[in-house]
Amino acid sequence: MSYQVSLRQAAQKQLDKLAEKDYEIVAEAILALEQEPRPLRVKKLAGSGLWRIRIGSYRVVYAIDDEECLVIVVRVARRTEDTYKRL
């Protein structure tokens, strides 16, 4: 089953700010969520209903709506203390 991937405006801006090399790697990982929204090593974030995947030093935080077959990317960020704040 194929999912549709949607990026929130803030996530798109964060993705657009990445260096070209990093952009390609992260964008490819986001597109892969269409086929498998819960890939190996995905982690569910406690208490929020959100998921995250790790791509090198970057994190992609997203929500999954199985009924609508939709993945909504909430944040694309380099891993820091603030990565998971205010989600």
C-alpha atoms as a PDB file:
ATOM      1  CA  MET A   1       0.000   0.000   0.000  1.00  0.00           C
ATOM      2  CA  SER A   2       1.372   3.381  -0.991  1.00  0.00           C
ATOM      3  CA  TYR A   3       1.129   6.437   1.234  1.00  0.00           C
ATOM      4  CA  GLN A   4       1.062  10.081   0.207  1.00  0.00           C
ATOM      5  CA  VAL A   5       3.784  12.218   1.793  1.00  0.00           C
ATOM      6  CA  SER A   6       3.008  15.818   2.687  1.00  0.00           C
ATOM      7  CA  LEU A   7       5.352  18.365   4.264  1.00  0.00           C
ATOM      8  CA  ARG A   8       4.174  21.133   6.520  1.00  0.00           C
ATOM      9  CA  GLN A   9       5.334  24.552   5.379  1.00  0.00           C
ATOM     10  CA  ALA A  10       7.856  24.796   8.231  1.00  0.00           C
ATOM     11  CA  ALA A  11       9.298  21.375   7.376  1.00  0.00           C
ATOM     12  CA  GLN A  12       9.632  22.359   3.712  1.00  0.00           C
ATOM     13  CA  LYS A  13      11.539  25.513   4.712  1.00  0.00           C
ATOM     14  CA  GLN A  14      13.832  23.477   6.970  1.00  0.00           C
ATOM     15  CA  LEU A  15      14.475  21.020   4.141  1.00  0.00           C
ATOM     16  CA  ASP A  16      15.162  23.829   1.655  1.00  0.00           C
ATOM     17  CA  LYS A  17      17.843  25.288   3.967  1.00  0.00           C
ATOM     18  CA  LEU A  18      19.958  22.124   3.872  1.00  0.00           C
ATOM     19  CA  ALA A  19      23.135  21.912   1.824  1.00  0.00           C
ATOM     20  CA  GLU A  20      22.564  20.256  -1.564  1.00  0.00           C
ATOM     21  CA  LYS A  21      24.254  16.967  -0.573  1.00  0.00           C
ATOM     22  CA  ASP A  22      22.266  16.715   2.671  1.00  0.00           C
ATOM     23  CA  TYR A  23      19.077  17.808   0.901  1.00  0.00           C
ATOM     24  CA  GLU A  24      19.318  14.919  -1.566  1.00  0.00           C
ATOM     25  CA  ILE A  25      19.863  12.309   1.157  1.00  0.00           C
ATOM     26  CA  VAL A  26      17.069  13.604   3.417  1.00  0.00           C
ATOM     27  CA  ALA A  27      14.627  14.110   0.522  1.00  0.00           C
ATOM     28  CA  GLU A  28      15.259  10.544  -0.653  1.00  0.00           C
ATOM     29  CA  ALA A  29      14.518   9.212   2.846  1.00  0.00           C
ATOM     30  CA  ILE A  30      11.301  11.255   3.000  1.00  0.00           C
ATOM     31  CA  LEU A  31      10.179   9.912  -0.385  1.00  0.00           C
ATOM     32  CA  ALA A  32      10.862   6.365   0.824  1.00  0.00           C
ATOM     33  CA  LEU A  33       8.156   6.912   3.459  1.00  0.00           C
ATOM     34  CA  GLU A  34       5.620   6.598   0.622  1.00  0.00           C
ATOM     35  CA  GLN A  35       6.347   2.865   0.407  1.00  0.00           C
ATOM     36  CA  GLU A  36       7.173   2.169   4.062  1.00  0.00           C
ATOM     37  CA  PRO A  37       6.047   4.738   6.657  1.00  0.00           C
ATOM     38  CA  ARG A  38       7.548   2.643   9.452  1.00  0.00           C
ATOM     39  CA  PRO A  39      10.990   1.639   8.142  1.00  0.00           C
ATOM     40  CA  LEU A  40      13.578  -0.253  10.158  1.00  0.00           C
ATOM     41  CA  ARG A  41      14.942   1.731  13.102  1.00  0.00           C
ATOM     42  CA  VAL A  42      11.975   4.120  13.147  1.00  0.00           C
ATOM     43  CA  LYS A  43      11.173   5.358  16.628  1.00  0.00           C
ATOM     44  CA  LYS A  44       7.811   6.420  18.025  1.00  0.00           C
ATOM     45  CA  LEU A  45       8.124   9.567  20.122  1.00  0.00           C
ATOM     46  CA  ALA A  46       6.634   9.086  23.575  1.00  0.00           C
ATOM     47  CA  GLY A  47       3.371  10.830  24.312  1.00  0.00           C
ATOM     48  CA  SER A  48       2.989  12.608  20.987  1.00  0.00           C
ATOM     49  CA  GLY A  49       1.866  10.074  18.392  1.00  0.00           C
ATOM     50  CA  LEU A  50       4.741  11.237  16.178  1.00  0.00           C
ATOM     51  CA  TRP A  51       7.485   9.147  14.626  1.00  0.00           C
ATOM     52  CA  ARG A  52      11.078   9.950  13.742  1.00  0.00           C
ATOM     53  CA  ILE A  53      13.678   8.577  11.416  1.00  0.00           C
ATOM     54  CA  ARG A  54      17.376   9.244  11.651  1.00  0.00           C
ATOM     55  CA  ILE A  55      19.340  10.215   8.570  1.00  0.00           C
ATOM     56  CA  GLY A  56      22.918  10.770   9.678  1.00  0.00           C
ATOM     57  CA  SER A  57      22.870  13.792  11.965  1.00  0.00           C
ATOM     58  CA  TYR A  58      19.399  14.836  10.750  1.00  0.00           C
ATOM     59  CA  ARG A  59      16.027  13.840  12.131  1.00  0.00           C
ATOM     60  CA  VAL A  60      12.723  13.735  10.259  1.00  0.00           C
ATOM     61  CA  VAL A  61       9.698  13.909  12.566  1.00  0.00           C
ATOM     62  CA  TYR A  62       6.347  12.957  11.085  1.00  0.00           C
ATOM     63  CA  ALA A  63       2.813  11.747  11.754  1.00  0.00           C
ATOM     64  CA  ILE A  64       1.121   8.770  10.110  1.00  0.00           C
ATOM     65  CA  ASP A  65      -2.577   8.638   9.242  1.00  0.00           C
ATOM     66  CA  ASP A  66      -3.217   5.008   8.301  1.00  0.00           C
ATOM     67  CA  GLU A  67      -6.882   5.590   7.453  1.00  0.00           C
ATOM     68  CA  GLU A  68      -6.034   8.244   4.844  1.00  0.00           C
ATOM     69  CA  CYS A  69      -2.696   6.598   3.870  1.00  0.00           C
ATOM     70  CA  LEU A  70      -0.954   9.880   4.610  1.00  0.00           C
ATOM     71  CA  VAL A  71       2.440  10.766   6.087  1.00  0.00           C
ATOM     72  CA  ILE A  72       2.769  14.366   7.309  1.00  0.00           C
ATOM     73  CA  VAL A  73       6.337  15.583   7.848  1.00  0.00           C
ATOM     74  CA  VAL A  74       6.397  17.995  10.774  1.00  0.00           C
ATOM     75  CA  ARG A  75      10.092  18.785  11.173  1.00  0.00           C
ATOM     76  CA  VAL A  76      13.431  18.284   9.451  1.00  0.00           C
ATOM     77  CA  ALA A  77      16.296  19.232  11.735  1.00  0.00           C
ATOM     78  CA  ARG A  78      19.847  18.512  12.742  1.00  0.00           C
ATOM     79  CA  ARG A  79      19.911  16.637  16.033  1.00  0.00           C
ATOM     80  CA  THR A  80      20.265  19.086  18.938  1.00  0.00           C
ATOM     81  CA  GLU A  81      18.704  19.533  22.361  1.00  0.00           C
ATOM     82  CA  ASP A  82      15.886  21.518  20.738  1.00  0.00           C
ATOM     83  CA  THR A  83      15.011  19.054  17.973  1.00  0.00           C
ATOM     84  CA  TYR A  84      12.023  17.575  19.789  1.00  0.00           C
ATOM     85  CA  LYS A  85      10.846  20.660  21.677  1.00  0.00           C
ATOM     86  CA  ARG A  86       7.519  22.267  20.785  1.00  0.00           C
ATOM     87  CA  LEU A  87       6.253  19.497  18.531  1.00  0.00           C
END
